[in-house]
Amino acid sequence: MPTPSCPHTPPCRPADSADHDDARIVSRHPEQGWNLLCNSVVVFDDTGELLPDGRVVAPHRPGRRHIA
């Protein structure tokens, strides 16, 4: 189900979907280390997230790949 107030085409994914962090940034705050997505998710520079219902998603940086 798309985000109800999303004006984008295609609509951004809602905060409760698995791919919610693909939503577009609507407010950038690089000086404070966070961005607000269209679906009301706050994404921090350390990859942690704050969901609209108050739940916290711990930072989830991908593992390092070894290049041969």
Protein backbone atom coordinates (compact mmCIF):
# COMPACT_ATOMS: atom_id res chain seq x y z
CA MET A 1 0.00 0.00 0.00
CA PRO A 2 1.60 3.32 -1.03
CA THR A 3 2.03 6.25 1.32
CA PRO A 4 -1.33 8.14 1.24
CA SER A 5 0.09 11.65 1.13
CA CYS A 6 2.93 10.89 -1.29
CA PRO A 7 2.84 13.13 -4.38
CA HIS A 8 5.50 11.13 -6.26
CA THR A 9 5.00 8.88 -9.26
CA PRO A 10 5.38 6.05 -8.61
CA PRO A 11 4.37 6.58 -4.98
CA CYS A 12 6.95 6.05 -2.25
CA ARG A 13 6.68 2.89 -0.20
CA PRO A 14 5.07 3.26 3.25
CA ALA A 15 7.11 3.17 6.44
CA ASP A 16 5.91 -0.36 7.28
CA SER A 17 7.15 -1.93 4.03
CA ALA A 18 10.44 -3.80 3.76
CA ASP A 19 11.79 -1.31 1.20
CA HIS A 20 10.66 1.83 3.06
CA ASP A 21 14.12 3.38 2.84
CA ASP A 22 13.71 3.70 -0.95
CA ALA A 23 11.33 6.63 -0.39
CA ARG A 24 12.45 10.04 -1.63
CA ILE A 25 14.16 12.54 0.66
CA VAL A 26 11.90 15.52 1.35
CA SER A 27 14.08 17.33 3.90
CA ARG A 28 17.88 17.16 4.10
CA HIS A 29 19.81 17.99 7.26
CA PRO A 30 23.44 16.98 6.56
CA GLU A 31 24.71 19.36 9.24
CA GLN A 32 22.77 17.30 11.81
CA GLY A 33 23.32 13.91 10.18
CA TRP A 34 19.78 12.97 9.14
CA ASN A 35 17.22 13.13 6.34
CA LEU A 36 13.43 12.94 6.36
CA LEU A 37 11.87 10.63 3.79
CA CYS A 38 8.48 11.12 2.12
CA ASN A 39 7.01 8.29 4.22
CA SER A 40 7.99 10.10 7.47
CA VAL A 41 10.98 7.86 8.21
CA VAL A 42 14.04 9.66 9.58
CA VAL A 43 17.27 8.15 8.24
CA PHE A 44 20.53 8.91 10.04
CA ASP A 45 24.02 9.04 8.52
CA ASP A 46 25.02 5.94 10.51
CA THR A 47 22.16 4.05 8.69
CA GLY A 48 19.97 3.94 11.79
CA GLU A 49 16.32 4.92 11.35
CA LEU A 50 13.43 6.34 13.35
CA LEU A 51 10.05 5.12 12.12
CA PRO A 52 6.91 7.30 12.35
CA ASP A 53 5.43 5.10 15.09
CA GLY A 54 8.49 5.72 17.30
CA ARG A 55 10.28 2.41 16.66
CA VAL A 56 14.04 2.56 16.22
CA VAL A 57 15.95 0.61 13.58
CA ALA A 58 19.56 0.06 14.62
CA PRO A 59 22.33 1.01 12.20
CA HIS A 60 22.68 -1.66 9.53
CA ARG A 61 25.74 -0.98 7.45
CA PRO A 62 26.52 -3.65 4.89
CA GLY A 63 29.54 -5.85 5.54
CA ARG A 64 32.82 -5.08 3.85
CA ARG A 65 33.53 -6.84 0.61
CA HIS A 66 37.01 -8.15 0.03
CA ILE A 67 38.41 -7.31 -3.36
CA ALA A 68 40.98 -9.74 -4.69
